Amino acid sequence: MQVNGKAYRAVGWDAGEQAVFWIEQRLLPYRFELVYSRDPEAVARAIETMAVRGAPTIGATAAFGLALAWRLEPARFVSFWLPRFRRTRPTAVNLFHACDVMEQAAEQQLSADAMVELACDYAAREVRANRRMGEIMAEYLAVGQRRILTHCNAGWLAAVDWGTATAGIYHLHRAGERPSVRVDETRPRLQGARLTAWELQQEGVDCCLQPDGAAAWAMARGEIDAIVVGADRIARNGDVANKIGTYALSLAAREHGVPMYVVAPSSTFDVHRATGHDIPIEQRHADEVLWMDGVDAEGELRQVRIAAGVPASNPAFDVTPFSHIRAIISERGVYEPPVE
């Protein structure tokens, strides 16, 4: 997608540098920076610290990191590097899917170059899936003025390229339609404010930022035509784990008759988890709630405490029941949970 008129992907392989590169998402929207590394540990830390984030991007980043690990220490690939990457984030199933793909390739004793090629192909498959999902999602969204609500960042930063929830919006925009997007700021890490709004503006898509707590009122006032979100893991019965706050949106959507769509690639589906109750929910550090960073009047990036003397709960995700969702869309079409 576009950054200042130039095409980028969220993560990839630089053949000249023989290194993994990624966009440092924690600096956005204040500073755009590419990071390059030949160190698999640095790649693992980028996932843990949310320098890269979003389920498909996490999976692709892990694939590239494991390709580096195979180059560096093939003898410790299974005993150390696979477990190291698998424990970086617990909820996004794409991470484990990518690790499984790279593990199967290692069992075949592929060359170092072939492992890099496999990682590149893994990322490319995600991008193709995203583009196809966008085509399908665009058919669900009315032509002309369409008022869409998003939550968190399910754009190209989260999904290598195109995005999941945003892919349909980008298809409409590039077809000459005029989608209008209401962007939840998404506390506590503000992925909507800092990432989704920035992405949409780079593409020239009309958007407006709002506090998370304003979403239900916007629906009550008839200002939202549809909600489109991504997913970090989808259980076999269609229950969806996504950024905290998604479940609350689904309740308001049901009350006000607003259709809610989930868009995610097939790598996000976990057939081994029967329902949403079986999905592990990541509990992140309280400091993400108690502190906030941003730029001051002089443009310097600073961190400030916004609460003191109180503990904080910080679940990163919640689970939305399938019954609250109008449709789950992957590159394979509309998902229908199996009858059990």
C-alpha atoms as a PDB file:
ATOM      1  CA  MET A   1       0.000   0.000   0.000  1.00  0.00           C
ATOM      2  CA  GLN A   2       0.983   3.667  -0.150  1.00  0.00           C
ATOM      3  CA  VAL A   3       3.232   5.757   2.091  1.00  0.00           C
ATOM      4  CA  ASN A   4       3.836   9.195   0.659  1.00  0.00           C
ATOM      5  CA  GLY A   5       2.943   7.809  -2.754  1.00  0.00           C
ATOM      6  CA  LYS A   6       5.377   4.849  -2.607  1.00  0.00           C
ATOM      7  CA  ALA A   7       4.322   1.203  -2.209  1.00  0.00           C
ATOM      8  CA  TYR A   8       5.417  -0.665   0.924  1.00  0.00           C
ATOM      9  CA  ARG A   9       4.657  -3.870   2.775  1.00  0.00           C
ATOM     10  CA  ALA A  10       4.556  -4.195   6.550  1.00  0.00           C
ATOM     11  CA  VAL A  11       7.237  -6.910   6.592  1.00  0.00           C
ATOM     12  CA  GLY A  12       9.381  -8.617   3.984  1.00  0.00           C
ATOM     13  CA  TRP A  13      12.794  -9.858   2.855  1.00  0.00           C
ATOM     14  CA  ASP A  14      15.468  -7.555   1.453  1.00  0.00           C
ATOM     15  CA  ALA A  15      17.559  -9.616  -0.961  1.00  0.00           C
ATOM     16  CA  GLY A  16      20.311  -7.009  -1.135  1.00  0.00           C
ATOM     17  CA  GLU A  17      20.707  -6.774   2.644  1.00  0.00           C
ATOM     18  CA  GLN A  18      19.951 -10.478   3.130  1.00  0.00           C
ATOM     19  CA  ALA A  19      17.788  -9.379   6.036  1.00  0.00           C
ATOM     20  CA  VAL A  20      14.231  -9.186   7.261  1.00  0.00           C
ATOM     21  CA  PHE A  21      12.714  -5.702   7.198  1.00  0.00           C
ATOM     22  CA  TRP A  22       9.637  -4.389   8.934  1.00  0.00           C
ATOM     23  CA  ILE A  23       7.884  -1.101   9.531  1.00  0.00           C
ATOM     24  CA  GLU A  24       8.385  -0.014  13.153  1.00  0.00           C
ATOM     25  CA  GLN A  25       4.707   0.413  14.021  1.00  0.00           C
ATOM     26  CA  ARG A  26       5.304   1.889  17.478  1.00  0.00           C
ATOM     27  CA  LEU A  27       6.670   5.082  15.900  1.00  0.00           C
ATOM     28  CA  LEU A  28       3.643   5.710  13.698  1.00  0.00           C
ATOM     29  CA  PRO A  29       2.094   8.087  12.817  1.00  0.00           C
ATOM     30  CA  TYR A  30       4.834  10.437  13.999  1.00  0.00           C
ATOM     31  CA  ARG A  31       7.743   8.795  12.218  1.00  0.00           C
ATOM     32  CA  PHE A  32       7.973   6.244   9.387  1.00  0.00           C
ATOM     33  CA  GLU A  33      10.945   3.942   9.844  1.00  0.00           C
ATOM     34  CA  LEU A  34      12.060   0.638   8.318  1.00  0.00           C
ATOM     35  CA  VAL A  35      14.088  -1.734  10.510  1.00  0.00           C
ATOM     36  CA  TYR A  36      16.433  -4.341   9.011  1.00  0.00           C
ATOM     37  CA  SER A  37      17.813  -7.341  10.885  1.00  0.00           C
ATOM     38  CA  ARG A  38      19.690 -10.597  10.305  1.00  0.00           C
ATOM     39  CA  ASP A  39      19.139 -11.616  13.949  1.00  0.00           C
ATOM     40  CA  PRO A  40      16.192 -13.975  14.624  1.00  0.00           C
ATOM     41  CA  GLU A  41      16.109 -12.884  18.264  1.00  0.00           C
ATOM     42  CA  ALA A  42      15.541  -9.270  17.186  1.00  0.00           C
ATOM     43  CA  VAL A  43      12.678 -10.469  14.978  1.00  0.00           C
ATOM     44  CA  ALA A  44      11.129 -12.390  17.878  1.00  0.00           C
ATOM     45  CA  ARG A  45      11.400  -9.322  20.112  1.00  0.00           C
ATOM     46  CA  ALA A  46       9.736  -7.194  17.421  1.00  0.00           C
ATOM     47  CA  ILE A  47       6.682  -9.476  17.679  1.00  0.00           C
ATOM     48  CA  GLU A  48       6.698  -9.504  21.498  1.00  0.00           C
ATOM     49  CA  THR A  49       7.010  -5.733  21.841  1.00  0.00           C
ATOM     50  CA  MET A  50       4.444  -4.987  19.121  1.00  0.00           C
ATOM     51  CA  ALA A  51       6.954  -3.299  16.838  1.00  0.00           C
ATOM     52  CA  VAL A  52       5.070  -5.502  14.375  1.00  0.00           C
ATOM     53  CA  ARG A  53       1.511  -6.562  15.133  1.00  0.00           C
ATOM     54  CA  GLY A  54      -1.656  -7.831  13.516  1.00  0.00           C
ATOM     55  CA  ALA A  55      -2.270 -11.550  13.123  1.00  0.00           C
ATOM     56  CA  PRO A  56      -1.234 -12.047   9.450  1.00  0.00           C
ATOM     57  CA  THR A  57       1.806  -9.762   9.801  1.00  0.00           C
ATOM     58  CA  ILE A  58       2.830 -11.607  12.967  1.00  0.00           C
ATOM     59  CA  GLY A  59       2.662 -14.909  11.073  1.00  0.00           C
ATOM     60  CA  ALA A  60       4.707 -13.613   8.155  1.00  0.00           C
ATOM     61  CA  THR A  61       7.260 -12.027  10.495  1.00  0.00           C
ATOM     62  CA  ALA A  62       7.669 -15.323  12.345  1.00  0.00           C
ATOM     63  CA  ALA A  63       8.218 -17.132   9.032  1.00  0.00           C
ATOM     64  CA  PHE A  64      10.994 -14.696   8.095  1.00  0.00           C
ATOM     65  CA  GLY A  65      12.519 -14.896  11.575  1.00  0.00           C
ATOM     66  CA  LEU A  66      12.566 -18.679  11.460  1.00  0.00           C
ATOM     67  CA  ALA A  67      14.202 -18.574   8.027  1.00  0.00           C
ATOM     68  CA  LEU A  68      16.960 -16.514   9.623  1.00  0.00           C
ATOM     69  CA  ALA A  69      17.191 -18.995  12.500  1.00  0.00           C
ATOM     70  CA  TRP A  70      17.571 -21.880  10.041  1.00  0.00           C
ATOM     71  CA  ARG A  71      20.483 -20.012   8.434  1.00  0.00           C
ATOM     72  CA  LEU A  72      22.109 -19.183  11.745  1.00  0.00           C
ATOM     73  CA  GLU A  73      21.564 -22.239  13.937  1.00  0.00           C
ATOM     74  CA  PRO A  74      19.867 -25.173  12.195  1.00  0.00           C
ATOM     75  CA  ALA A  75      20.937 -27.484  15.035  1.00  0.00           C
ATOM     76  CA  ARG A  76      18.851 -25.449  17.513  1.00  0.00           C
ATOM     77  CA  PHE A  77      15.953 -24.750  15.169  1.00  0.00           C
ATOM     78  CA  VAL A  78      13.557 -27.293  16.703  1.00  0.00           C
ATOM     79  CA  SER A  79      14.807 -27.244  20.300  1.00  0.00           C
ATOM     80  CA  PHE A  80      15.124 -23.467  20.719  1.00  0.00           C
ATOM     81  CA  TRP A  81      13.962 -21.272  17.853  1.00  0.00           C
ATOM     82  CA  LEU A  82      10.543 -22.798  17.200  1.00  0.00           C
ATOM     83  CA  PRO A  83       9.544 -22.583  20.899  1.00  0.00           C
ATOM     84  CA  ARG A  84      11.031 -19.083  21.063  1.00  0.00           C
ATOM     85  CA  PHE A  85       8.777 -17.788  18.296  1.00  0.00           C
ATOM     86  CA  ARG A  86       5.716 -19.723  19.440  1.00  0.00           C
ATOM     87  CA  ARG A  87       5.745 -18.000  22.817  1.00  0.00           C
ATOM     88  CA  THR A  88       6.037 -14.443  21.477  1.00  0.00           C
ATOM     89  CA  ARG A  89       2.246 -13.855  21.385  1.00  0.00           C
ATOM     90  CA  PRO A  90      -0.407 -16.329  22.603  1.00  0.00           C
ATOM     91  CA  THR A  91      -3.656 -15.362  20.849  1.00  0.00           C
ATOM     92  CA  ALA A  92      -2.994 -14.801  17.127  1.00  0.00           C
ATOM     93  CA  VAL A  93      -3.179 -18.269  15.579  1.00  0.00           C
ATOM     94  CA  ASN A  94      -1.408 -17.130  12.391  1.00  0.00           C
ATOM     95  CA  LEU A  95       1.818 -17.194  14.403  1.00  0.00           C
ATOM     96  CA  PHE A  96       1.447 -20.895  15.122  1.00  0.00           C
ATOM     97  CA  HIS A  97       0.343 -21.625  11.575  1.00  0.00           C
ATOM     98  CA  ALA A  98       3.534 -20.010  10.235  1.00  0.00           C
ATOM     99  CA  CYS A  99       5.689 -21.883  12.755  1.00  0.00           C
ATOM    100  CA  ASP A 100       4.112 -25.176  11.677  1.00  0.00           C
ATOM    101  CA  VAL A 101       4.805 -24.411   8.003  1.00  0.00           C
ATOM    102  CA  MET A 102       8.462 -23.634   8.708  1.00  0.00           C
ATOM    103  CA  GLU A 103       8.829 -26.675  10.972  1.00  0.00           C
ATOM    104  CA  GLN A 104       7.540 -28.995   8.248  1.00  0.00           C
ATOM    105  CA  ALA A 105      10.022 -27.456   5.800  1.00  0.00           C
ATOM    106  CA  ALA A 106      12.885 -27.948   8.269  1.00  0.00           C
ATOM    107  CA  GLU A 107      11.975 -31.624   8.552  1.00  0.00           C
ATOM    108  CA  GLN A 108      12.610 -31.846   4.807  1.00  0.00           C
ATOM    109  CA  GLN A 109      16.074 -30.330   5.341  1.00  0.00           C
ATOM    110  CA  LEU A 110      15.545 -27.495   2.881  1.00  0.00           C
ATOM    111  CA  SER A 111      18.478 -25.234   2.095  1.00  0.00           C
ATOM    112  CA  ALA A 112      18.796 -21.844   3.793  1.00  0.00           C
ATOM    113  CA  ASP A 113      17.848 -20.085   0.563  1.00  0.00           C
ATOM    114  CA  ALA A 114      14.835 -22.361   0.125  1.00  0.00           C
ATOM    115  CA  MET A 115      13.638 -21.498   3.651  1.00  0.00           C
ATOM    116  CA  VAL A 116      13.833 -17.791   2.834  1.00  0.00           C
ATOM    117  CA  GLU A 117      11.928 -18.432  -0.388  1.00  0.00           C
ATOM    118  CA  LEU A 118       9.283 -20.312   1.594  1.00  0.00           C
ATOM    119  CA  ALA A 119       8.902 -17.399   4.008  1.00  0.00           C
ATOM    120  CA  CYS A 120       8.532 -14.999   1.074  1.00  0.00           C
ATOM    121  CA  ASP A 121       5.900 -17.280  -0.426  1.00  0.00           C
ATOM    122  CA  TYR A 122       4.076 -17.458   2.912  1.00  0.00           C
ATOM    123  CA  ALA A 123       3.839 -13.652   3.033  1.00  0.00           C
ATOM    124  CA  ALA A 124       2.793 -13.496  -0.629  1.00  0.00           C
ATOM    125  CA  ARG A 125      -0.026 -15.999   0.003  1.00  0.00           C
ATOM    126  CA  GLU A 126      -1.331 -13.801   2.799  1.00  0.00           C
ATOM    127  CA  VAL A 127      -1.352 -10.799   0.474  1.00  0.00           C
ATOM    128  CA  ARG A 128      -3.213 -12.711  -2.250  1.00  0.00           C
ATOM    129  CA  ALA A 129      -5.747 -13.849   0.340  1.00  0.00           C
ATOM    130  CA  ASN A 130      -6.224 -10.289   1.577  1.00  0.00           C
ATOM    131  CA  ARG A 131      -6.817  -8.959  -1.913  1.00  0.00           C
ATOM    132  CA  ARG A 132      -9.379 -11.679  -2.627  1.00  0.00           C
ATOM    133  CA  MET A 133     -11.146 -11.033   0.698  1.00  0.00           C
ATOM    134  CA  GLY A 134     -11.345  -7.376  -0.203  1.00  0.00           C
ATOM    135  CA  GLU A 135     -13.048  -8.213  -3.490  1.00  0.00           C
ATOM    136  CA  ILE A 136     -15.634 -10.313  -1.663  1.00  0.00           C
ATOM    137  CA  MET A 137     -16.145  -7.757   1.134  1.00  0.00           C
ATOM    138  CA  ALA A 138     -16.623  -4.928  -1.370  1.00  0.00           C
ATOM    139  CA  GLU A 139     -19.617  -6.786  -2.784  1.00  0.00           C
ATOM    140  CA  TYR A 140     -21.256  -6.630   0.657  1.00  0.00           C
ATOM    141  CA  LEU A 141     -20.719  -2.906   1.001  1.00  0.00           C
ATOM    142  CA  ALA A 142     -23.094  -0.658  -0.919  1.00  0.00           C
ATOM    143  CA  VAL A 143     -21.719   1.527  -3.723  1.00  0.00           C
ATOM    144  CA  GLY A 144     -21.493   5.267  -3.285  1.00  0.00           C
ATOM    145  CA  GLN A 145     -21.464   6.821   0.166  1.00  0.00           C
ATOM    146  CA  ARG A 146     -20.965   4.002   2.657  1.00  0.00           C
ATOM    147  CA  ARG A 147     -20.412   4.712   6.357  1.00  0.00           C
ATOM    148  CA  ILE A 148     -18.191   2.018   7.870  1.00  0.00           C
ATOM    149  CA  LEU A 149     -16.928   1.627  11.432  1.00  0.00           C
ATOM    150  CA  THR A 150     -13.586  -0.064  12.140  1.00  0.00           C
ATOM    151  CA  HIS A 151     -11.948  -1.083  15.399  1.00  0.00           C
ATOM    152  CA  CYS A 152      -8.216  -1.500  16.079  1.00  0.00           C
ATOM    153  CA  ASN A 153      -5.989  -1.932  13.016  1.00  0.00           C
ATOM    154  CA  ALA A 154      -6.900  -4.639  10.526  1.00  0.00           C
ATOM    155  CA  GLY A 155      -5.244  -2.769   7.688  1.00  0.00           C
ATOM    156  CA  TRP A 156      -2.161  -3.476   5.628  1.00  0.00           C
ATOM    157  CA  LEU A 157       0.187  -2.867   8.573  1.00  0.00           C
ATOM    158  CA  ALA A 158      -1.521  -5.772  10.321  1.00  0.00           C
ATOM    159  CA  ALA A 159      -1.687  -8.038   7.278  1.00  0.00           C
ATOM    160  CA  VAL A 160       1.512  -7.496   5.210  1.00  0.00           C
ATOM    161  CA  ASP A 161      -0.454  -5.666   2.482  1.00  0.00           C
ATOM    162  CA  TRP A 162      -4.071  -4.647   1.667  1.00  0.00           C
ATOM    163  CA  GLY A 163      -5.312  -5.566   5.123  1.00  0.00           C
ATOM    164  CA  THR A 164      -8.257  -7.721   6.121  1.00  0.00           C
ATOM    165  CA  ALA A 165     -11.072  -5.419   7.298  1.00  0.00           C
ATOM    166  CA  THR A 166      -9.724  -2.540   5.209  1.00  0.00           C
ATOM    167  CA  ALA A 167      -9.224  -4.501   1.983  1.00  0.00           C
ATOM    168  CA  GLY A 168     -12.853  -4.079   0.929  1.00  0.00           C
ATOM    169  CA  ILE A 169     -12.678  -0.364   1.732  1.00  0.00           C
ATOM    170  CA  TYR A 170      -9.566   0.030  -0.407  1.00  0.00           C
ATOM    171  CA  HIS A 171     -11.214  -1.845  -3.284  1.00  0.00           C
ATOM    172  CA  LEU A 172     -14.204   0.485  -3.156  1.00  0.00           C
ATOM    173  CA  HIS A 173     -11.999   3.550  -2.967  1.00  0.00           C
ATOM    174  CA  ARG A 174      -9.837   2.495  -5.915  1.00  0.00           C
ATOM    175  CA  ALA A 175     -12.972   1.739  -7.915  1.00  0.00           C
ATOM    176  CA  GLY A 176     -14.000   5.385  -7.570  1.00  0.00           C
ATOM    177  CA  GLU A 177     -16.554   4.918  -4.807  1.00  0.00           C
ATOM    178  CA  ARG A 178     -16.604   7.112  -1.701  1.00  0.00           C
ATOM    179  CA  PRO A 179     -16.497   5.017   1.472  1.00  0.00           C
ATOM    180  CA  SER A 180     -16.415   7.030   4.688  1.00  0.00           C
ATOM    181  CA  VAL A 181     -14.755   5.364   7.674  1.00  0.00           C
ATOM    182  CA  ARG A 182     -15.340   6.060  11.367  1.00  0.00           C
ATOM    183  CA  VAL A 183     -12.173   4.922  13.173  1.00  0.00           C
ATOM    184  CA  ASP A 184     -12.317   3.834  16.825  1.00  0.00           C
ATOM    185  CA  GLU A 185      -9.175   5.109  18.578  1.00  0.00           C
ATOM    186  CA  THR A 186      -8.811   1.682  20.308  1.00  0.00           C
ATOM    187  CA  ARG A 187      -7.447   2.014  23.813  1.00  0.00           C
ATOM    188  CA  PRO A 188      -5.031   1.319  25.316  1.00  0.00           C
ATOM    189  CA  ARG A 189      -2.464   1.193  22.473  1.00  0.00           C
ATOM    190  CA  LEU A 190      -4.478   3.413  20.097  1.00  0.00           C
ATOM    191  CA  GLN A 191      -3.986   1.249  17.001  1.00  0.00           C
ATOM    192  CA  GLY A 192      -7.002   2.887  15.400  1.00  0.00           C
ATOM    193  CA  ALA A 193      -5.788   6.428  16.033  1.00  0.00           C
ATOM    194  CA  ARG A 194      -2.138   5.789  15.267  1.00  0.00           C
ATOM    195  CA  LEU A 195      -2.293   3.158  12.533  1.00  0.00           C
ATOM    196  CA  THR A 196      -5.687   2.785  10.827  1.00  0.00           C
ATOM    197  CA  ALA A 197      -6.336   6.518  10.499  1.00  0.00           C
ATOM    198  CA  TRP A 198      -2.787   7.019   9.172  1.00  0.00           C
ATOM    199  CA  GLU A 199      -3.205   4.197   6.618  1.00  0.00           C
ATOM    200  CA  LEU A 200      -6.533   5.505   5.361  1.00  0.00           C
ATOM    201  CA  GLN A 201      -5.183   9.021   4.997  1.00  0.00           C
ATOM    202  CA  GLN A 202      -2.176   7.735   3.050  1.00  0.00           C
ATOM    203  CA  GLU A 203      -4.615   6.097   0.613  1.00  0.00           C
ATOM    204  CA  GLY A 204      -6.844   9.172   0.448  1.00  0.00           C
ATOM    205  CA  VAL A 205      -9.847   7.454   2.077  1.00  0.00           C
ATOM    206  CA  ASP A 206     -12.237   9.751   3.946  1.00  0.00           C
ATOM    207  CA  CYS A 207     -12.056   8.970   7.672  1.00  0.00           C
ATOM    208  CA  CYS A 208     -12.865  10.425  11.078  1.00  0.00           C
ATOM    209  CA  LEU A 209     -11.418   9.403  14.441  1.00  0.00           C
ATOM    210  CA  GLN A 210     -13.692   8.841  17.442  1.00  0.00           C
ATOM    211  CA  PRO A 211     -13.325   7.660  21.062  1.00  0.00           C
ATOM    212  CA  ASP A 212     -14.194   3.986  21.550  1.00  0.00           C
ATOM    213  CA  GLY A 213     -17.046   4.962  23.825  1.00  0.00           C
ATOM    214  CA  ALA A 214     -18.719   6.970  21.041  1.00  0.00           C
ATOM    215  CA  ALA A 215     -19.357   3.957  18.790  1.00  0.00           C
ATOM    216  CA  ALA A 216     -22.678   2.845  20.290  1.00  0.00           C
ATOM    217  CA  TRP A 217     -24.025   6.397  20.230  1.00  0.00           C
ATOM    218  CA  ALA A 218     -23.024   6.774  16.574  1.00  0.00           C
ATOM    219  CA  MET A 219     -25.032   3.629  15.811  1.00  0.00           C
ATOM    220  CA  ALA A 220     -28.005   4.903  17.814  1.00  0.00           C
ATOM    221  CA  ARG A 221     -27.949   8.115  15.752  1.00  0.00           C
ATOM    222  CA  GLY A 222     -28.003   6.157  12.484  1.00  0.00           C
ATOM    223  CA  GLU A 223     -24.498   7.258  11.487  1.00  0.00           C
ATOM    224  CA  ILE A 224     -23.057   3.767  10.879  1.00  0.00           C
ATOM    225  CA  ASP A 225     -24.094   1.457   8.032  1.00  0.00           C
ATOM    226  CA  ALA A 226     -21.755  -1.451   8.782  1.00  0.00           C
ATOM    227  CA  ILE A 227     -18.974  -2.567  11.120  1.00  0.00           C
ATOM    228  CA  VAL A 228     -15.988  -4.338   9.589  1.00  0.00           C
ATOM    229  CA  VAL A 229     -13.271  -5.826  11.820  1.00  0.00           C
ATOM    230  CA  GLY A 230     -10.469  -8.357  11.535  1.00  0.00           C
ATOM    231  CA  ALA A 231      -9.685 -11.316  13.801  1.00  0.00           C
ATOM    232  CA  ASP A 232      -6.768 -12.840  15.655  1.00  0.00           C
ATOM    233  CA  ARG A 233      -8.298 -16.306  15.980  1.00  0.00           C
ATOM    234  CA  ILE A 234     -11.596 -17.831  14.872  1.00  0.00           C
ATOM    235  CA  ALA A 235     -12.895 -20.951  16.612  1.00  0.00           C
ATOM    236  CA  ARG A 236     -14.509 -23.830  14.741  1.00  0.00           C
ATOM    237  CA  ASN A 237     -18.011 -22.643  15.680  1.00  0.00           C
ATOM    238  CA  GLY A 238     -17.324 -19.144  14.319  1.00  0.00           C
ATOM    239  CA  ASP A 239     -16.641 -17.358  17.609  1.00  0.00           C
ATOM    240  CA  VAL A 240     -14.093 -14.599  16.966  1.00  0.00           C
ATOM    241  CA  ALA A 241     -11.221 -13.388  19.146  1.00  0.00           C
ATOM    242  CA  ASN A 242     -10.320  -9.833  18.221  1.00  0.00           C
ATOM    243  CA  LYS A 243      -9.067  -6.650  19.855  1.00  0.00           C
ATOM    244  CA  ILE A 244     -10.672  -5.841  23.193  1.00  0.00           C
ATOM    245  CA  GLY A 245     -13.838  -3.827  22.609  1.00  0.00           C
ATOM    246  CA  THR A 246     -15.044  -5.856  19.629  1.00  0.00           C
ATOM    247  CA  TYR A 247     -17.548  -7.774  21.767  1.00  0.00           C
ATOM    248  CA  ALA A 248     -19.046  -4.512  23.065  1.00  0.00           C
ATOM    249  CA  LEU A 249     -19.399  -3.275  19.483  1.00  0.00           C
ATOM    250  CA  SER A 250     -21.265  -6.454  18.580  1.00  0.00           C
ATOM    251  CA  LEU A 251     -23.783  -5.882  21.386  1.00  0.00           C
ATOM    252  CA  ALA A 252     -24.487  -2.338  20.234  1.00  0.00           C
ATOM    253  CA  ALA A 253     -24.688  -3.505  16.614  1.00  0.00           C
ATOM    254  CA  ARG A 254     -27.331  -6.096  17.488  1.00  0.00           C
ATOM    255  CA  GLU A 255     -29.343  -3.526  19.417  1.00  0.00           C
ATOM    256  CA  HIS A 256     -29.338  -1.058  16.526  1.00  0.00           C
ATOM    257  CA  GLY A 257     -29.556  -3.454  13.581  1.00  0.00           C
ATOM    258  CA  VAL A 258     -26.098  -2.651  12.200  1.00  0.00           C
ATOM    259  CA  PRO A 259     -24.473  -5.573  10.335  1.00  0.00           C
ATOM    260  CA  MET A 260     -21.093  -6.655  11.698  1.00  0.00           C
ATOM    261  CA  TYR A 261     -18.613  -8.352   9.360  1.00  0.00           C
ATOM    262  CA  VAL A 262     -15.386 -10.156  10.231  1.00  0.00           C
ATOM    263  CA  VAL A 263     -12.723 -10.450   7.529  1.00  0.00           C
ATOM    264  CA  ALA A 264      -9.774 -12.809   8.047  1.00  0.00           C
ATOM    265  CA  PRO A 265      -7.623 -15.213   6.007  1.00  0.00           C
ATOM    266  CA  SER A 266      -7.944 -18.969   6.371  1.00  0.00           C
ATOM    267  CA  SER A 267      -4.716 -18.967   8.433  1.00  0.00           C
ATOM    268  CA  THR A 268      -6.692 -17.239  11.227  1.00  0.00           C
ATOM    269  CA  PHE A 269      -9.149 -20.141  11.596  1.00  0.00           C
ATOM    270  CA  ASP A 270      -8.346 -22.629  14.363  1.00  0.00           C
ATOM    271  CA  VAL A 271     -10.270 -25.865  13.890  1.00  0.00           C
ATOM    272  CA  HIS A 272      -8.707 -27.229  17.077  1.00  0.00           C
ATOM    273  CA  ARG A 273     -10.626 -24.710  19.231  1.00  0.00           C
ATOM    274  CA  ALA A 274     -14.263 -25.742  19.328  1.00  0.00           C
ATOM    275  CA  THR A 275     -15.614 -22.433  20.688  1.00  0.00           C
ATOM    276  CA  GLY A 276     -14.399 -19.033  21.763  1.00  0.00           C
ATOM    277  CA  HIS A 277     -14.138 -20.293  25.339  1.00  0.00           C
ATOM    278  CA  ASP A 278     -11.154 -22.373  24.213  1.00  0.00           C
ATOM    279  CA  ILE A 279      -9.176 -19.419  22.830  1.00  0.00           C
ATOM    280  CA  PRO A 280      -6.337 -18.155  25.083  1.00  0.00           C
ATOM    281  CA  ILE A 281      -6.675 -14.437  25.808  1.00  0.00           C
ATOM    282  CA  GLU A 282      -3.430 -12.509  26.184  1.00  0.00           C
ATOM    283  CA  GLN A 283      -3.106 -10.401  29.327  1.00  0.00           C
ATOM    284  CA  ARG A 284      -0.664  -7.589  28.638  1.00  0.00           C
ATOM    285  CA  HIS A 285       1.282  -5.422  31.083  1.00  0.00           C
ATOM    286  CA  ALA A 286      -0.641  -2.869  33.148  1.00  0.00           C
ATOM    287  CA  ASP A 287       1.737  -0.113  32.023  1.00  0.00           C
ATOM    288  CA  GLU A 288      -0.017  -0.014  28.645  1.00  0.00           C
ATOM    289  CA  VAL A 289      -3.105   1.252  30.494  1.00  0.00           C
ATOM    290  CA  LEU A 290      -1.323   3.467  33.028  1.00  0.00           C
ATOM    291  CA  TRP A 291       1.045   5.198  30.579  1.00  0.00           C
ATOM    292  CA  MET A 292       0.627   6.778  27.156  1.00  0.00           C
ATOM    293  CA  ASP A 293       3.131   8.045  24.616  1.00  0.00           C
ATOM    294  CA  GLY A 294       2.903  10.709  21.944  1.00  0.00           C
ATOM    295  CA  VAL A 295       4.673  13.777  20.624  1.00  0.00           C
ATOM    296  CA  ASP A 296       4.809  17.066  22.486  1.00  0.00           C
ATOM    297  CA  ALA A 297       4.460  20.567  21.028  1.00  0.00           C
ATOM    298  CA  GLU A 298       8.107  20.466  19.896  1.00  0.00           C
ATOM    299  CA  GLY A 299       7.617  17.149  18.090  1.00  0.00           C
ATOM    300  CA  GLU A 300       9.544  15.080  20.643  1.00  0.00           C
ATOM    301  CA  LEU A 301       8.230  11.581  21.398  1.00  0.00           C
ATOM    302  CA  ARG A 302       7.473  11.353  25.119  1.00  0.00           C
ATOM    303  CA  GLN A 303       5.767   9.005  27.554  1.00  0.00           C
ATOM    304  CA  VAL A 304       3.457  10.266  30.293  1.00  0.00           C
ATOM    305  CA  ARG A 305       1.658   8.566  33.149  1.00  0.00           C
ATOM    306  CA  ILE A 306      -2.128   9.011  33.017  1.00  0.00           C
ATOM    307  CA  ALA A 307      -3.009   7.179  36.260  1.00  0.00           C
ATOM    308  CA  ALA A 308      -1.172   6.404  39.477  1.00  0.00           C
ATOM    309  CA  GLY A 309      -1.621   4.326  42.602  1.00  0.00           C
ATOM    310  CA  VAL A 310      -4.143   1.947  41.048  1.00  0.00           C
ATOM    311  CA  PRO A 311      -3.766  -1.512  39.467  1.00  0.00           C
ATOM    312  CA  ALA A 312      -4.917  -2.028  35.885  1.00  0.00           C
ATOM    313  CA  SER A 313      -6.444  -4.924  33.981  1.00  0.00           C
ATOM    314  CA  ASN A 314      -5.251  -5.181  30.375  1.00  0.00           C
ATOM    315  CA  PRO A 315      -6.797  -8.044  28.365  1.00  0.00           C
ATOM    316  CA  ALA A 316      -5.650  -7.593  24.777  1.00  0.00           C
ATOM    317  CA  PHE A 317      -8.608  -9.415  23.202  1.00  0.00           C
ATOM    318  CA  ASP A 318     -12.204 -10.454  23.754  1.00  0.00           C
ATOM    319  CA  VAL A 319     -14.457 -13.020  22.083  1.00  0.00           C
ATOM    320  CA  THR A 320     -17.496 -12.167  19.969  1.00  0.00           C
ATOM    321  CA  PRO A 321     -20.042 -14.991  19.541  1.00  0.00           C
ATOM    322  CA  PHE A 322     -20.786 -16.076  15.983  1.00  0.00           C
ATOM    323  CA  SER A 323     -24.461 -15.278  16.567  1.00  0.00           C
ATOM    324  CA  HIS A 324     -23.559 -11.561  16.730  1.00  0.00           C
ATOM    325  CA  ILE A 325     -21.855 -11.568  13.317  1.00  0.00           C
ATOM    326  CA  ARG A 326     -23.562 -11.078   9.959  1.00  0.00           C
ATOM    327  CA  ALA A 327     -20.801 -12.889   8.026  1.00  0.00           C
ATOM    328  CA  ILE A 328     -17.205 -14.076   8.374  1.00  0.00           C
ATOM    329  CA  ILE A 329     -15.342 -13.646   5.103  1.00  0.00           C
ATOM    330  CA  SER A 330     -12.079 -15.309   4.099  1.00  0.00           C
ATOM    331  CA  GLU A 331     -10.396 -15.719   0.725  1.00  0.00           C
ATOM    332  CA  ARG A 332     -12.509 -18.878   0.352  1.00  0.00           C
ATOM    333  CA  GLY A 333     -15.786 -17.011   0.696  1.00  0.00           C
ATOM    334  CA  VAL A 334     -18.308 -16.809   3.535  1.00  0.00           C
ATOM    335  CA  TYR A 335     -17.534 -19.138   6.429  1.00  0.00           C
ATOM    336  CA  GLU A 336     -20.229 -21.558   7.551  1.00  0.00           C
ATOM    337  CA  PRO A 337     -19.425 -23.337  10.835  1.00  0.00           C
ATOM    338  CA  PRO A 338     -19.781 -27.133  10.653  1.00  0.00           C
ATOM    339  CA  VAL A 339     -22.878 -28.693  12.173  1.00  0.00           C
ATOM    340  CA  GLU A 340     -21.786 -30.724  15.198  1.00  0.00           C
END
